[in-house]
PDB file of N, CA and C in Angstrom:
ATOM      1  N   MET A   1    -148.438  44.140  -3.454  1.00  0.00           N
ATOM      2  CA  MET A   1    -148.789  45.088  -2.517  1.00  0.00           C
ATOM      3  C   MET A   1    -148.589  44.516  -1.040  1.00  0.00           C
ATOM      4  N   LYS A   2    -147.765  45.592  -0.364  1.00  0.00           N
ATOM      5  CA  LYS A   2    -147.208  45.154   0.958  1.00  0.00           C
ATOM      6  C   LYS A   2    -148.686  45.682   2.017  1.00  0.00           C
ATOM      7  N   MET A   3    -148.809  44.662   2.833  1.00  0.00           N
ATOM      8  CA  MET A   3    -149.800  44.733   3.883  1.00  0.00           C
ATOM      9  C   MET A   3    -149.445  45.710   4.764  1.00  0.00           C
ATOM     10  N   PRO A   4    -150.281  46.692   5.197  1.00  0.00           N
ATOM     11  CA  PRO A   4    -150.100  47.775   6.080  1.00  0.00           C
ATOM     12  C   PRO A   4    -150.105  47.303   7.363  1.00  0.00           C
ATOM     13  N   ASP A   5    -148.937  47.889   8.113  1.00  0.00           N
ATOM     14  CA  ASP A   5    -148.592  47.152   9.583  1.00  0.00           C
ATOM     15  C   ASP A   5    -149.738  46.930  10.444  1.00  0.00           C
ATOM     16  N   ASP A   6    -150.759  47.864  10.358  1.00  0.00           N
ATOM     17  CA  ASP A   6    -152.036  47.837  11.351  1.00  0.00           C
ATOM     18  C   ASP A   6    -152.799  46.536  10.804  1.00  0.00           C
ATOM     19  N   VAL A   7    -153.108  46.355   9.808  1.00  0.00           N
ATOM     20  CA  VAL A   7    -153.711  45.237   9.135  1.00  0.00           C
ATOM     21  C   VAL A   7    -152.792  44.016   9.315  1.00  0.00           C
ATOM     22  N   ARG A   8    -151.421  43.935   9.186  1.00  0.00           N
ATOM     23  CA  ARG A   8    -150.996  42.786   9.531  1.00  0.00           C
ATOM     24  C   ARG A   8    -150.927  42.329  10.957  1.00  0.00           C
ATOM     25  N   ALA A   9    -150.882  43.378  11.907  1.00  0.00           N
ATOM     26  CA  ALA A   9    -150.906  43.098  13.471  1.00  0.00           C
ATOM     27  C   ALA A   9    -152.428  42.700  13.828  1.00  0.00           C
ATOM     28  N   ALA A  10    -153.272  43.336  13.145  1.00  0.00           N
ATOM     29  CA  ALA A  10    -154.766  42.695  13.351  1.00  0.00           C
ATOM     30  C   ALA A  10    -154.870  41.310  12.889  1.00  0.00           C
ATOM     31  N   LEU A  11    -154.484  41.001  11.872  1.00  0.00           N
ATOM     32  CA  LEU A  11    -154.454  39.731  11.199  1.00  0.00           C
ATOM     33  C   LEU A  11    -153.727  38.729  12.153  1.00  0.00           C
ATOM     34  N   GLU A  12    -152.818  39.049  12.649  1.00  0.00           N
ATOM     35  CA  GLU A  12    -151.897  38.035  13.618  1.00  0.00           C
ATOM     36  C   GLU A  12    -152.655  37.850  14.966  1.00  0.00           C
ATOM     37  N   ARG A  13    -153.370  38.954  15.451  1.00  0.00           N
ATOM     38  CA  ARG A  13    -154.149  38.908  16.517  1.00  0.00           C
ATOM     39  C   ARG A  13    -155.438  37.935  16.359  1.00  0.00           C
ATOM     40  N   PHE A  14    -156.030  38.044  15.198  1.00  0.00           N
ATOM     41  CA  PHE A  14    -157.182  37.358  14.714  1.00  0.00           C
ATOM     42  C   PHE A  14    -156.633  35.835  14.583  1.00  0.00           C
ATOM     43  N   GLN A  15    -155.463  35.475  14.195  1.00  0.00           N
ATOM     44  CA  GLN A  15    -154.973  34.369  13.898  1.00  0.00           C
ATOM     45  C   GLN A  15    -154.672  33.625  15.103  1.00  0.00           C
ATOM     46  N   GLN A  16    -154.026  34.527  16.299  1.00  0.00           N
ATOM     47  CA  GLN A  16    -153.900  33.815  17.649  1.00  0.00           C
ATOM     48  C   GLN A  16    -155.107  33.535  18.407  1.00  0.00           C
ATOM     49  N   PHE A  17    -156.061  34.350  18.143  1.00  0.00           N
ATOM     50  CA  PHE A  17    -157.431  33.963  18.481  1.00  0.00           C
ATOM     51  C   PHE A  17    -157.988  32.805  18.011  1.00  0.00           C
ATOM     52  N   LEU A  18    -157.972  32.491  16.693  1.00  0.00           N
ATOM     53  CA  LEU A  18    -158.480  31.345  16.004  1.00  0.00           C
ATOM     54  C   LEU A  18    -157.389  30.081  16.801  1.00  0.00           C
ATOM     55  N   GLY A  19    -156.351  30.360  16.842  1.00  0.00           N
ATOM     56  CA  GLY A  19    -155.380  29.190  17.448  1.00  0.00           C
ATOM     57  C   GLY A  19    -155.929  28.782  18.830  1.00  0.00           C
ATOM     58  N   LYS A  20    -156.765  29.437  19.604  1.00  0.00           N
ATOM     59  CA  LYS A  20    -157.350  29.086  20.815  1.00  0.00           C
ATOM     60  C   LYS A  20    -158.303  27.973  20.793  1.00  0.00           C
ATOM     61  N   HIS A  21    -158.908  27.512  19.504  1.00  0.00           N
ATOM     62  CA  HIS A  21    -159.852  26.823  19.293  1.00  0.00           C
ATOM     63  C   HIS A  21    -159.676  25.856  18.055  1.00  0.00           C
ATOM     64  N   SER A  22    -160.216  24.606  18.278  1.00  0.00           N
ATOM     65  CA  SER A  22    -159.833  23.676  17.338  1.00  0.00           C
ATOM     66  C   SER A  22    -160.563  24.040  15.998  1.00  0.00           C
ATOM     67  N   GLY A  23    -160.225  23.278  14.917  1.00  0.00           N
ATOM     68  CA  GLY A  23    -160.677  23.554  13.514  1.00  0.00           C
ATOM     69  C   GLY A  23    -162.023  23.562  13.420  1.00  0.00           C
ATOM     70  N   SER A  24    -162.886  22.746  14.109  1.00  0.00           N
ATOM     71  CA  SER A  24    -164.260  22.503  13.827  1.00  0.00           C
ATOM     72  C   SER A  24    -165.033  23.296  14.749  1.00  0.00           C
ATOM     73  N   ASP A  25    -164.464  23.986  15.921  1.00  0.00           N
ATOM     74  CA  ASP A  25    -165.301  24.892  16.708  1.00  0.00           C
ATOM     75  C   ASP A  25    -166.119  25.758  16.248  1.00  0.00           C
ATOM     76  N   VAL A  26    -167.458  25.994  16.643  1.00  0.00           N
ATOM     77  CA  VAL A  26    -168.125  27.221  16.103  1.00  0.00           C
ATOM     78  C   VAL A  26    -167.829  28.188  17.114  1.00  0.00           C
ATOM     79  N   ILE A  27    -167.447  29.355  16.765  1.00  0.00           N
ATOM     80  CA  ILE A  27    -166.965  30.676  17.604  1.00  0.00           C
ATOM     81  C   ILE A  27    -168.353  31.375  17.973  1.00  0.00           C
ATOM     82  N   ASP A  28    -169.245  31.478  16.962  1.00  0.00           N
ATOM     83  CA  ASP A  28    -170.388  32.342  17.060  1.00  0.00           C
ATOM     84  C   ASP A  28    -171.664  31.358  16.631  1.00  0.00           C
ATOM     85  N   ALA A  29    -172.410  30.836  17.744  1.00  0.00           N
ATOM     86  CA  ALA A  29    -173.489  29.919  17.303  1.00  0.00           C
ATOM     87  C   ALA A  29    -174.624  30.772  16.602  1.00  0.00           C
ATOM     88  N   ASP A  30    -174.781  31.992  16.836  1.00  0.00           N
ATOM     89  CA  ASP A  30    -175.918  32.612  16.095  1.00  0.00           C
ATOM     90  C   ASP A  30    -175.730  32.679  14.751  1.00  0.00           C
ATOM     91  N   SER A  31    -174.523  32.739  14.271  1.00  0.00           N
ATOM     92  CA  SER A  31    -174.098  33.092  12.821  1.00  0.00           C
ATOM     93  C   SER A  31    -173.686  31.957  12.252  1.00  0.00           C
ATOM     94  N   GLY A  32    -173.201  30.820  13.120  1.00  0.00           N
ATOM     95  CA  GLY A  32    -172.378  29.604  12.700  1.00  0.00           C
ATOM     96  C   GLY A  32    -171.066  30.057  12.341  1.00  0.00           C
ATOM     97  N   PHE A  33    -170.411  30.926  12.640  1.00  0.00           N
ATOM     98  CA  PHE A  33    -169.056  31.400  12.373  1.00  0.00           C
ATOM     99  C   PHE A  33    -168.086  30.301  12.792  1.00  0.00           C
ATOM    100  N   THR A  34    -167.204  29.611  12.085  1.00  0.00           N
ATOM    101  CA  THR A  34    -166.308  28.511  12.591  1.00  0.00           C
ATOM    102  C   THR A  34    -164.855  29.037  12.503  1.00  0.00           C
ATOM    103  N   VAL A  35    -164.092  28.230  13.089  1.00  0.00           N
ATOM    104  CA  VAL A  35    -162.686  28.558  13.008  1.00  0.00           C
ATOM    105  C   VAL A  35    -162.277  28.419  11.665  1.00  0.00           C
ATOM    106  N   ALA A  36    -162.865  27.411  11.045  1.00  0.00           N
ATOM    107  CA  ALA A  36    -162.381  27.078   9.359  1.00  0.00           C
ATOM    108  C   ALA A  36    -162.944  28.446   8.794  1.00  0.00           C
ATOM    109  N   ASP A  37    -163.824  29.043   9.120  1.00  0.00           N
ATOM    110  CA  ASP A  37    -164.268  30.260   8.339  1.00  0.00           C
ATOM    111  C   ASP A  37    -163.275  31.335   8.570  1.00  0.00           C
ATOM    112  N   GLY A  38    -162.869  31.679   9.798  1.00  0.00           N
ATOM    113  CA  GLY A  38    -161.815  32.495   9.951  1.00  0.00           C
ATOM    114  C   GLY A  38    -160.395  32.173   9.395  1.00  0.00           C
ATOM    115  N   GLN A  39    -160.006  30.863   9.226  1.00  0.00           N
ATOM    116  CA  GLN A  39    -158.873  30.485   8.668  1.00  0.00           C
ATOM    117  C   GLN A  39    -158.912  30.918   7.375  1.00  0.00           C
ATOM    118  N   LEU A  40    -160.066  30.760   6.520  1.00  0.00           N
ATOM    119  CA  LEU A  40    -160.402  30.691   5.254  1.00  0.00           C
ATOM    120  C   LEU A  40    -160.298  32.423   4.901  1.00  0.00           C
ATOM    121  N   ILE A  41    -160.844  33.409   5.658  1.00  0.00           N
ATOM    122  CA  ILE A  41    -160.708  34.722   5.603  1.00  0.00           C
ATOM    123  C   ILE A  41    -159.068  35.162   5.731  1.00  0.00           C
ATOM    124  N   ALA A  42    -158.591  34.596   6.732  1.00  0.00           N
ATOM    125  CA  ALA A  42    -157.151  34.941   7.021  1.00  0.00           C
ATOM    126  C   ALA A  42    -156.436  34.642   5.847  1.00  0.00           C
ATOM    127  N   GLY A  43    -156.567  33.596   5.124  1.00  0.00           N
ATOM    128  CA  GLY A  43    -155.574  33.039   4.119  1.00  0.00           C
ATOM    129  C   GLY A  43    -155.918  34.085   2.956  1.00  0.00           C
ATOM    130  N   GLU A  44    -157.314  34.239   2.879  1.00  0.00           N
ATOM    131  CA  GLU A  44    -157.580  35.060   1.583  1.00  0.00           C
ATOM    132  C   GLU A  44    -156.897  36.579   1.724  1.00  0.00           C
ATOM    133  N   VAL A  45    -156.855  37.153   2.903  1.00  0.00           N
ATOM    134  CA  VAL A  45    -156.330  38.551   3.203  1.00  0.00           C
ATOM    135  C   VAL A  45    -154.969  38.286   2.813  1.00  0.00           C
ATOM    136  N   GLU A  46    -154.230  37.234   3.363  1.00  0.00           N
ATOM    137  CA  GLU A  46    -152.735  37.182   3.116  1.00  0.00           C
ATOM    138  C   GLU A  46    -152.418  37.004   1.573  1.00  0.00           C
ATOM    139  N   MET A  47    -153.292  36.283   0.901  1.00  0.00           N
ATOM    140  CA  MET A  47    -153.080  35.931  -0.591  1.00  0.00           C
ATOM    141  C   MET A  47    -153.080  37.477  -1.425  1.00  0.00           C
ATOM    142  N   ALA A  48    -154.386  38.133  -0.928  1.00  0.00           N
ATOM    143  CA  ALA A  48    -154.645  39.339  -1.424  1.00  0.00           C
ATOM    144  C   ALA A  48    -153.342  40.397  -1.359  1.00  0.00           C
ATOM    145  N   ALA A  49    -152.711  40.388  -0.200  1.00  0.00           N
ATOM    146  CA  ALA A  49    -151.682  41.054   0.113  1.00  0.00           C
ATOM    147  C   ALA A  49    -150.531  40.924  -0.688  1.00  0.00           C
ATOM    148  N   HIS A  50    -150.698  39.624  -1.049  1.00  0.00           N
ATOM    149  CA  HIS A  50    -149.271  39.109  -2.106  1.00  0.00           C
ATOM    150  C   HIS A  50    -149.881  39.130  -3.691  1.00  0.00           C
ATOM    151  N   GLY A  51    -150.912  39.767  -4.022  1.00  0.00           N
ATOM    152  CA  GLY A  51    -151.316  39.898  -5.182  1.00  0.00           C
ATOM    153  C   GLY A  51    -151.812  38.668  -5.946  1.00  0.00           C
ATOM    154  N   GLN A  52    -152.182  37.375  -5.115  1.00  0.00           N
ATOM    155  CA  GLN A  52    -152.544  36.309  -5.563  1.00  0.00           C
ATOM    156  C   GLN A  52    -154.028  36.041  -5.499  1.00  0.00           C
ATOM    157  N   ASP A  53    -154.740  35.467  -6.509  1.00  0.00           N
ATOM    158  CA  ASP A  53    -156.071  35.235  -6.391  1.00  0.00           C
ATOM    159  C   ASP A  53    -156.336  33.788  -6.319  1.00  0.00           C
ATOM    160  N   ILE A  54    -157.414  33.229  -5.344  1.00  0.00           N
ATOM    161  CA  ILE A  54    -157.381  31.857  -4.990  1.00  0.00           C
ATOM    162  C   ILE A  54    -157.504  31.032  -6.255  1.00  0.00           C
ATOM    163  N   GLU A  55    -157.993  31.332  -7.528  1.00  0.00           N
ATOM    164  CA  GLU A  55    -157.960  30.663  -8.622  1.00  0.00           C
ATOM    165  C   GLU A  55    -156.751  30.574  -9.289  1.00  0.00           C
ATOM    166  N   GLU A  56    -155.997  31.436  -9.084  1.00  0.00           N
ATOM    167  CA  GLU A  56    -154.546  31.542  -9.744  1.00  0.00           C
ATOM    168  C   GLU A  56    -153.658  30.538  -8.951  1.00  0.00           C
ATOM    169  N   ASN A  57    -153.857  30.223  -7.547  1.00  0.00           N
ATOM    170  CA  ASN A  57    -152.982  29.351  -6.658  1.00  0.00           C
ATOM    171  C   ASN A  57    -153.897  28.726  -5.664  1.00  0.00           C
ATOM    172  N   PRO A  58    -154.690  27.660  -6.148  1.00  0.00           N
ATOM    173  CA  PRO A  58    -155.678  26.924  -5.217  1.00  0.00           C
ATOM    174  C   PRO A  58    -154.957  26.301  -4.135  1.00  0.00           C
ATOM    175  N   MET A  59    -153.807  26.048  -4.244  1.00  0.00           N
ATOM    176  CA  MET A  59    -153.178  25.125  -3.295  1.00  0.00           C
ATOM    177  C   MET A  59    -152.269  26.092  -2.399  1.00  0.00           C
ATOM    178  N   ALA A  60    -152.221  27.224  -2.189  1.00  0.00           N
ATOM    179  CA  ALA A  60    -151.583  28.292  -1.380  1.00  0.00           C
ATOM    180  C   ALA A  60    -152.081  28.031   0.124  1.00  0.00           C
TER     181      ALA A  60
END
């Protein structure tokens, strides 16, 4: 499955945003959302676009 261009652009902006913080930073104190959470989500989106499931390729 090819990732739609608007989703790819949004993902790239999200990853650039995450890049402004260190891996252990809390982005939102109220929810506890961290940079690591964002990186996990971004990775899952990319894997889904390539038709992979985390259980299929846990080292991706």
